[in-house]
Structure formats: C-alpha cells, structure tokens
C-alpha cells in the first residue's frame, strides 16, 4: 500500500508527500533526514493520511493536493 500524506508543524507549515511507510517517513522528517523543506521545521505531525493501492494513484493524489494548496 502507498499513502499520500500531509504533515504540519506548530507554525502550520505543511509538507505534502507520498510514502509506503508513513510512520517511518514522519520519523525521518522529525530527525532532519527527510526533505530539505522540513529540516529545522520540526516537530511535524500527520494532518492527513490517505491509503492507495498503487504508487501511481498516491502520486496522482499528491499532485492534486499540491495544486489545491497552491491556490
């Protein structure tokens, strides 16, 4: 299974991504091992988690969420 997710920190900064192990990915973000955007922005917590059967479907949803967030 794959997951599209949104995490946010106490300053309401959001990060949108995809993972097959969202808990591990959250741990990476909170240990400054994830995306450059999340470095020194911790702690993050999950704001949205959606499950998909394929990576392609999860990526499609990630793109859709990012387009909505850009508005």
PDB file of N, CA and C in Angstrom:
ATOM      1  N   UNK A   1       0.834  -1.179   0.000  1.00  0.00           N
ATOM      2  CA  UNK A   1       0.000   0.000   0.000  1.00  0.00           C
ATOM      3  C   UNK A   1       0.886   1.253   0.000  1.00  0.00           C
ATOM      4  N   UNK A   2       0.318   2.308  -0.528  1.00  0.00           N
ATOM      5  CA  UNK A   2       1.009   3.597  -0.583  1.00  0.00           C
ATOM      6  C   UNK A   2       0.104   4.654   0.020  1.00  0.00           C
ATOM      7  N   UNK A   3       0.706   5.704   0.508  1.00  0.00           N
ATOM      8  CA  UNK A   3      -0.041   6.742   1.211  1.00  0.00           C
ATOM      9  C   UNK A   3       0.332   8.120   0.682  1.00  0.00           C
ATOM     10  N   UNK A   4      -0.675   8.937   0.463  1.00  0.00           N
ATOM     11  CA  UNK A   4      -0.475  10.364   0.255  1.00  0.00           C
ATOM     12  C   UNK A   4      -0.672  10.983   1.635  1.00  0.00           C
ATOM     13  N   UNK A   5       0.207  11.911   1.999  1.00  0.00           N
ATOM     14  CA  UNK A   5       0.100  12.462   3.346  1.00  0.00           C
ATOM     15  C   UNK A   5       0.383  13.956   3.365  1.00  0.00           C
ATOM     16  N   UNK A   6      -0.136  14.587   4.385  1.00  0.00           N
ATOM     17  CA  UNK A   6       0.202  15.970   4.713  1.00  0.00           C
ATOM     18  C   UNK A   6       0.655  15.953   6.160  1.00  0.00           C
ATOM     19  N   UNK A   7       1.802  16.560   6.412  1.00  0.00           N
ATOM     20  CA  UNK A   7       2.244  16.755   7.787  1.00  0.00           C
ATOM     21  C   UNK A   7       2.334  18.255   8.035  1.00  0.00           C
ATOM     22  N   UNK A   8       2.188  18.643   9.295  1.00  0.00           N
ATOM     23  CA  UNK A   8       2.292  20.063   9.636  1.00  0.00           C
ATOM     24  C   UNK A   8       2.999  20.204  10.968  1.00  0.00           C
ATOM     25  N   UNK A   9       3.584  21.388  11.152  1.00  0.00           N
ATOM     26  CA  UNK A   9       4.262  21.660  12.420  1.00  0.00           C
ATOM     27  C   UNK A   9       3.469  22.677  13.224  1.00  0.00           C
ATOM     28  N   UNK A  10       4.015  23.096  14.350  1.00  0.00           N
ATOM     29  CA  UNK A  10       3.305  24.024  15.236  1.00  0.00           C
ATOM     30  C   UNK A  10       3.085  25.394  14.604  1.00  0.00           C
ATOM     31  N   UNK A  11       3.873  25.737  13.582  1.00  0.00           N
ATOM     32  CA  UNK A  11       3.703  27.013  12.865  1.00  0.00           C
ATOM     33  C   UNK A  11       2.782  26.867  11.663  1.00  0.00           C
ATOM     34  N   UNK A  12       2.108  25.707  11.561  1.00  0.00           N
ATOM     35  CA  UNK A  12       1.186  25.396  10.466  1.00  0.00           C
ATOM     36  C   UNK A  12       1.862  25.335   9.101  1.00  0.00           C
ATOM     37  N   UNK A  13       3.152  25.061   9.089  1.00  0.00           N
ATOM     38  CA  UNK A  13       3.840  24.793   7.818  1.00  0.00           C
ATOM     39  C   UNK A  13       3.461  23.385   7.392  1.00  0.00           C
ATOM     40  N   UNK A  14       3.112  23.246   6.121  1.00  0.00           N
ATOM     41  CA  UNK A  14       2.661  21.962   5.593  1.00  0.00           C
ATOM     42  C   UNK A  14       3.687  21.360   4.651  1.00  0.00           C
ATOM     43  N   UNK A  15       3.750  20.032   4.667  1.00  0.00           N
ATOM     44  CA  UNK A  15       4.540  19.287   3.698  1.00  0.00           C
ATOM     45  C   UNK A  15       3.652  18.179   3.167  1.00  0.00           C
ATOM     46  N   UNK A  16       3.617  18.024   1.853  1.00  0.00           N
ATOM     47  CA  UNK A  16       2.779  17.029   1.186  1.00  0.00           C
ATOM     48  C   UNK A  16       3.696  16.019   0.522  1.00  0.00           C
ATOM     49  N   UNK A  17       3.430  14.744   0.737  1.00  0.00           N
ATOM     50  CA  UNK A  17       4.296  13.727   0.161  1.00  0.00           C
ATOM     51  C   UNK A  17       3.601  12.389  -0.019  1.00  0.00           C
ATOM     52  N   UNK A  18       4.393  11.397  -0.428  1.00  0.00           N
ATOM     53  CA  UNK A  18       3.934  10.031  -0.662  1.00  0.00           C
ATOM     54  C   UNK A  18       4.926   9.083  -0.007  1.00  0.00           C
ATOM     55  N   UNK A  19       4.421   8.011   0.572  1.00  0.00           N
ATOM     56  CA  UNK A  19       5.293   7.021   1.198  1.00  0.00           C
ATOM     57  C   UNK A  19       4.584   5.674   1.265  1.00  0.00           C
ATOM     58  N   UNK A  20       5.382   4.610   1.310  1.00  0.00           N
ATOM     59  CA  UNK A  20       4.798   3.298   1.561  1.00  0.00           C
ATOM     60  C   UNK A  20       4.885   2.957   3.048  1.00  0.00           C
ATOM     61  N   UNK A  21       5.524   3.830   3.832  1.00  0.00           N
ATOM     62  CA  UNK A  21       5.622   3.652   5.277  1.00  0.00           C
ATOM     63  C   UNK A  21       5.538   5.044   5.922  1.00  0.00           C
ATOM     64  N   UNK A  22       4.330   5.559   6.114  1.00  0.00           N
ATOM     65  CA  UNK A  22       4.191   6.940   6.575  1.00  0.00           C
ATOM     66  C   UNK A  22       4.766   7.209   7.970  1.00  0.00           C
ATOM     67  N   UNK A  23       4.709   6.238   8.864  1.00  0.00           N
ATOM     68  CA  UNK A  23       5.282   6.466  10.197  1.00  0.00           C
ATOM     69  C   UNK A  23       6.796   6.626  10.113  1.00  0.00           C
ATOM     70  N   UNK A  24       7.437   5.785   9.322  1.00  0.00           N
ATOM     71  CA  UNK A  24       8.884   5.896   9.138  1.00  0.00           C
ATOM     72  C   UNK A  24       9.232   7.230   8.481  1.00  0.00           C
ATOM     73  N   UNK A  25       8.445   7.634   7.504  1.00  0.00           N
ATOM     74  CA  UNK A  25       8.702   8.906   6.812  1.00  0.00           C
ATOM     75  C   UNK A  25       8.544  10.077   7.770  1.00  0.00           C
ATOM     76  N   UNK A  26       7.527  10.048   8.620  1.00  0.00           N
ATOM     77  CA  UNK A  26       7.342  11.097   9.618  1.00  0.00           C
ATOM     78  C   UNK A  26       8.546  11.152  10.551  1.00  0.00           C
ATOM     79  N   UNK A  27       9.018   9.996  10.983  1.00  0.00           N
ATOM     80  CA  UNK A  27      10.206   9.950  11.834  1.00  0.00           C
ATOM     81  C   UNK A  27      11.411  10.572  11.133  1.00  0.00           C
ATOM     82  N   UNK A  28      11.590  10.284   9.834  1.00  0.00           N
ATOM     83  CA  UNK A  28      12.686  10.885   9.063  1.00  0.00           C
ATOM     84  C   UNK A  28      12.573  12.403   9.057  1.00  0.00           C
ATOM     85  N   UNK A  29      11.358  12.907   8.793  1.00  0.00           N
ATOM     86  CA  UNK A  29      11.168  14.357   8.766  1.00  0.00           C
ATOM     87  C   UNK A  29      11.525  14.973  10.119  1.00  0.00           C
ATOM     88  N   UNK A  30      11.111  14.317  11.182  1.00  0.00           N
ATOM     89  CA  UNK A  30      11.355  14.868  12.521  1.00  0.00           C
ATOM     90  C   UNK A  30      12.791  14.686  12.994  1.00  0.00           C
ATOM     91  N   UNK A  31      13.573  13.888  12.278  1.00  0.00           N
ATOM     92  CA  UNK A  31      15.002  13.717  12.601  1.00  0.00           C
ATOM     93  C   UNK A  31      15.890  14.436  11.582  1.00  0.00           C
ATOM     94  N   UNK A  32      15.309  15.373  10.837  1.00  0.00           N
ATOM     95  CA  UNK A  32      16.029  16.134   9.809  1.00  0.00           C
ATOM     96  C   UNK A  32      16.633  15.244   8.733  1.00  0.00           C
ATOM     97  N   UNK A  33      16.038  14.103   8.459  1.00  0.00           N
ATOM     98  CA  UNK A  33      16.539  13.201   7.434  1.00  0.00           C
ATOM     99  C   UNK A  33      15.620  13.185   6.219  1.00  0.00           C
ATOM    100  N   UNK A  34      14.537  13.905   6.275  1.00  0.00           N
ATOM    101  CA  UNK A  34      13.577  13.920   5.173  1.00  0.00           C
ATOM    102  C   UNK A  34      13.895  15.012   4.174  1.00  0.00           C
ATOM    103  N   UNK A  35      12.875  15.550   3.585  1.00  0.00           N
ATOM    104  CA  UNK A  35      13.002  16.591   2.569  1.00  0.00           C
ATOM    105  C   UNK A  35      13.665  17.838   3.143  1.00  0.00           C
ATOM    106  N   UNK A  36      14.375  18.555   2.290  1.00  0.00           N
ATOM    107  CA  UNK A  36      15.040  19.785   2.714  1.00  0.00           C
ATOM    108  C   UNK A  36      14.089  20.800   3.317  1.00  0.00           C
ATOM    109  N   UNK A  37      12.875  20.867   2.807  1.00  0.00           N
ATOM    110  CA  UNK A  37      11.889  21.811   3.311  1.00  0.00           C
ATOM    111  C   UNK A  37      11.598  21.595   4.792  1.00  0.00           C
ATOM    112  N   UNK A  38      11.620  20.344   5.233  1.00  0.00           N
ATOM    113  CA  UNK A  38      11.237  20.050   6.612  1.00  0.00           C
ATOM    114  C   UNK A  38      12.396  20.184   7.605  1.00  0.00           C
ATOM    115  N   UNK A  39      13.590  20.365   7.112  1.00  0.00           N
ATOM    116  CA  UNK A  39      14.736  20.488   8.029  1.00  0.00           C
ATOM    117  C   UNK A  39      14.559  21.718   8.919  1.00  0.00           C
ATOM    118  N   UNK A  40      14.823  21.540  10.184  1.00  0.00           N
ATOM    119  CA  UNK A  40      14.720  22.604  11.188  1.00  0.00           C
ATOM    120  C   UNK A  40      13.314  23.197  11.296  1.00  0.00           C
ATOM    121  N   UNK A  41      12.311  22.465  10.891  1.00  0.00           N
ATOM    122  CA  UNK A  41      10.927  22.909  10.989  1.00  0.00           C
ATOM    123  C   UNK A  41      10.128  22.036  11.962  1.00  0.00           C
ATOM    124  N   UNK A  42      10.766  21.077  12.587  1.00  0.00           N
ATOM    125  CA  UNK A  42      10.079  20.076  13.396  1.00  0.00           C
ATOM    126  C   UNK A  42       9.517  20.674  14.673  1.00  0.00           C
ATOM    127  N   UNK A  43       8.683  20.004  15.400  1.00  0.00           N
ATOM    128  CA  UNK A  43       8.174  18.666  15.136  1.00  0.00           C
ATOM    129  C   UNK A  43       6.969  18.701  14.202  1.00  0.00           C
ATOM    130  N   UNK A  44       6.881  17.711  13.360  1.00  0.00           N
ATOM    131  CA  UNK A  44       5.746  17.545  12.468  1.00  0.00           C
ATOM    132  C   UNK A  44       4.822  16.470  12.998  1.00  0.00           C
ATOM    133  N   UNK A  45       3.550  16.621  12.679  1.00  0.00           N
ATOM    134  CA  UNK A  45       2.568  15.579  12.982  1.00  0.00           C
ATOM    135  C   UNK A  45       1.676  15.398  11.761  1.00  0.00           C
ATOM    136  N   UNK A  46       1.069  14.259  11.654  1.00  0.00           N
ATOM    137  CA  UNK A  46       0.235  13.936  10.492  1.00  0.00           C
ATOM    138  C   UNK A  46      -1.062  14.746  10.551  1.00  0.00           C
ATOM    139  N   UNK A  47      -1.361  15.438   9.447  1.00  0.00           N
ATOM    140  CA  UNK A  47      -2.600  16.181   9.320  1.00  0.00           C
ATOM    141  C   UNK A  47      -3.589  15.445   8.412  1.00  0.00           C
ATOM    142  N   UNK A  48      -3.063  14.657   7.458  1.00  0.00           N
ATOM    143  CA  UNK A  48      -3.908  13.897   6.534  1.00  0.00           C
ATOM    144  C   UNK A  48      -3.135  12.669   6.087  1.00  0.00           C
ATOM    145  N   UNK A  49      -3.831  11.539   6.020  1.00  0.00           N
ATOM    146  CA  UNK A  49      -3.217  10.295   5.565  1.00  0.00           C
ATOM    147  C   UNK A  49      -4.268   9.537   4.763  1.00  0.00           C
ATOM    148  N   UNK A  50      -3.972   9.320   3.476  1.00  0.00           N
ATOM    149  CA  UNK A  50      -4.882   8.602   2.589  1.00  0.00           C
ATOM    150  C   UNK A  50      -4.171   7.393   1.995  1.00  0.00           C
ATOM    151  N   UNK A  51      -4.848   6.271   1.963  1.00  0.00           N
ATOM    152  CA  UNK A  51      -4.268   4.997   1.528  1.00  0.00           C
ATOM    153  C   UNK A  51      -4.656   4.692   0.081  1.00  0.00           C
ATOM    154  N   UNK A  52      -3.671   4.210  -0.709  1.00  0.00           N
ATOM    155  CA  UNK A  52      -3.893   3.861  -2.113  1.00  0.00           C
ATOM    156  C   UNK A  52      -3.229   2.530  -2.433  1.00  0.00           C
ATOM    157  N   UNK A  53      -3.795   1.821  -3.385  1.00  0.00           N
ATOM    158  CA  UNK A  53      -3.254   0.516  -3.770  1.00  0.00           C
ATOM    159  C   UNK A  53      -1.977   0.627  -4.582  1.00  0.00           C
ATOM    160  N   UNK A  54      -1.838   1.692  -5.354  1.00  0.00           N
ATOM    161  CA  UNK A  54      -0.664   1.823  -6.215  1.00  0.00           C
ATOM    162  C   UNK A  54       0.058   3.142  -5.963  1.00  0.00           C
ATOM    163  N   UNK A  55       1.351   3.136  -6.267  1.00  0.00           N
ATOM    164  CA  UNK A  55       2.144   4.356  -6.162  1.00  0.00           C
ATOM    165  C   UNK A  55       1.615   5.415  -7.118  1.00  0.00           C
ATOM    166  N   UNK A  56       1.216   5.004  -8.294  1.00  0.00           N
ATOM    167  CA  UNK A  56       0.695   5.956  -9.284  1.00  0.00           C
ATOM    168  C   UNK A  56      -0.527   6.696  -8.743  1.00  0.00           C
ATOM    169  N   UNK A  57      -1.419   5.984  -8.087  1.00  0.00           N
ATOM    170  CA  UNK A  57      -2.618   6.624  -7.528  1.00  0.00           C
ATOM    171  C   UNK A  57      -2.260   7.577  -6.394  1.00  0.00           C
ATOM    172  N   UNK A  58      -1.314   7.179  -5.557  1.00  0.00           N
ATOM    173  CA  UNK A  58      -0.889   8.041  -4.459  1.00  0.00           C
ATOM    174  C   UNK A  58      -0.215   9.301  -4.996  1.00  0.00           C
ATOM    175  N   UNK A  59       0.621   9.156  -6.020  1.00  0.00           N
ATOM    176  CA  UNK A  59       1.283  10.322  -6.634  1.00  0.00           C
ATOM    177  C   UNK A  59       0.258  11.264  -7.280  1.00  0.00           C
ATOM    178  N   UNK A  60      -0.731  10.678  -7.922  1.00  0.00           N
ATOM    179  CA  UNK A  60      -1.783  11.487  -8.543  1.00  0.00           C
ATOM    180  C   UNK A  60      -2.498  12.328  -7.487  1.00  0.00           C
ATOM    181  N   UNK A  61      -2.779  11.729  -6.347  1.00  0.00           N
ATOM    182  CA  UNK A  61      -3.434  12.459  -5.257  1.00  0.00           C
ATOM    183  C   UNK A  61      -2.494  13.520  -4.678  1.00  0.00           C
ATOM    184  N   UNK A  62      -1.213  13.204  -4.546  1.00  0.00           N
ATOM    185  CA  UNK A  62      -0.233  14.174  -4.060  1.00  0.00           C
ATOM    186  C   UNK A  62      -0.235  15.413  -4.946  1.00  0.00           C
ATOM    187  N   UNK A  63      -0.227  15.210  -6.243  1.00  0.00           N
ATOM    188  CA  UNK A  63      -0.235  16.328  -7.191  1.00  0.00           C
ATOM    189  C   UNK A  63      -1.514  17.145  -7.042  1.00  0.00           C
ATOM    190  N   UNK A  64      -2.632  16.448  -6.908  1.00  0.00           N
ATOM    191  CA  UNK A  64      -3.922  17.124  -6.735  1.00  0.00           C
ATOM    192  C   UNK A  64      -3.919  17.994  -5.460  1.00  0.00           C
ATOM    193  N   UNK A  65      -3.424  17.458  -4.376  1.00  0.00           N
ATOM    194  CA  UNK A  65      -3.366  18.216  -3.118  1.00  0.00           C
ATOM    195  C   UNK A  65      -2.445  19.428  -3.261  1.00  0.00           C
ATOM    196  N   UNK A  66      -1.292  19.240  -3.895  1.00  0.00           N
ATOM    197  CA  UNK A  66      -0.352  20.346  -4.074  1.00  0.00           C
ATOM    198  C   UNK A  66      -0.956  21.454  -4.923  1.00  0.00           C
ATOM    199  N   UNK A  67      -1.724  21.101  -5.930  1.00  0.00           N
ATOM    200  CA  UNK A  67      -2.388  22.112  -6.749  1.00  0.00           C
ATOM    201  C   UNK A  67      -3.403  22.890  -5.933  1.00  0.00           C
ATOM    202  N   UNK A  68      -4.140  22.201  -5.065  1.00  0.00           N
ATOM    203  CA  UNK A  68      -5.119  22.879  -4.203  1.00  0.00           C
ATOM    204  C   UNK A  68      -4.419  23.781  -3.196  1.00  0.00           C
ATOM    205  N   UNK A  69      -3.297  23.330  -2.663  1.00  0.00           N
ATOM    206  CA  UNK A  69      -2.560  24.112  -1.669  1.00  0.00           C
ATOM    207  C   UNK A  69      -1.942  25.362  -2.278  1.00  0.00           C
ATOM    208  N   UNK A  70      -1.658  25.337  -3.566  1.00  0.00           N
ATOM    209  CA  UNK A  70      -1.022  26.477  -4.240  1.00  0.00           C
ATOM    210  C   UNK A  70      -2.005  27.616  -4.504  1.00  0.00           C
ATOM    211  N   UNK A  71      -3.259  27.342  -4.387  1.00  0.00           N
ATOM    212  CA  UNK A  71      -4.257  28.395  -4.675  1.00  0.00           C
ATOM    213  C   UNK A  71      -4.286  29.471  -3.647  1.00  0.00           C
TER     214      UNK A  71
END
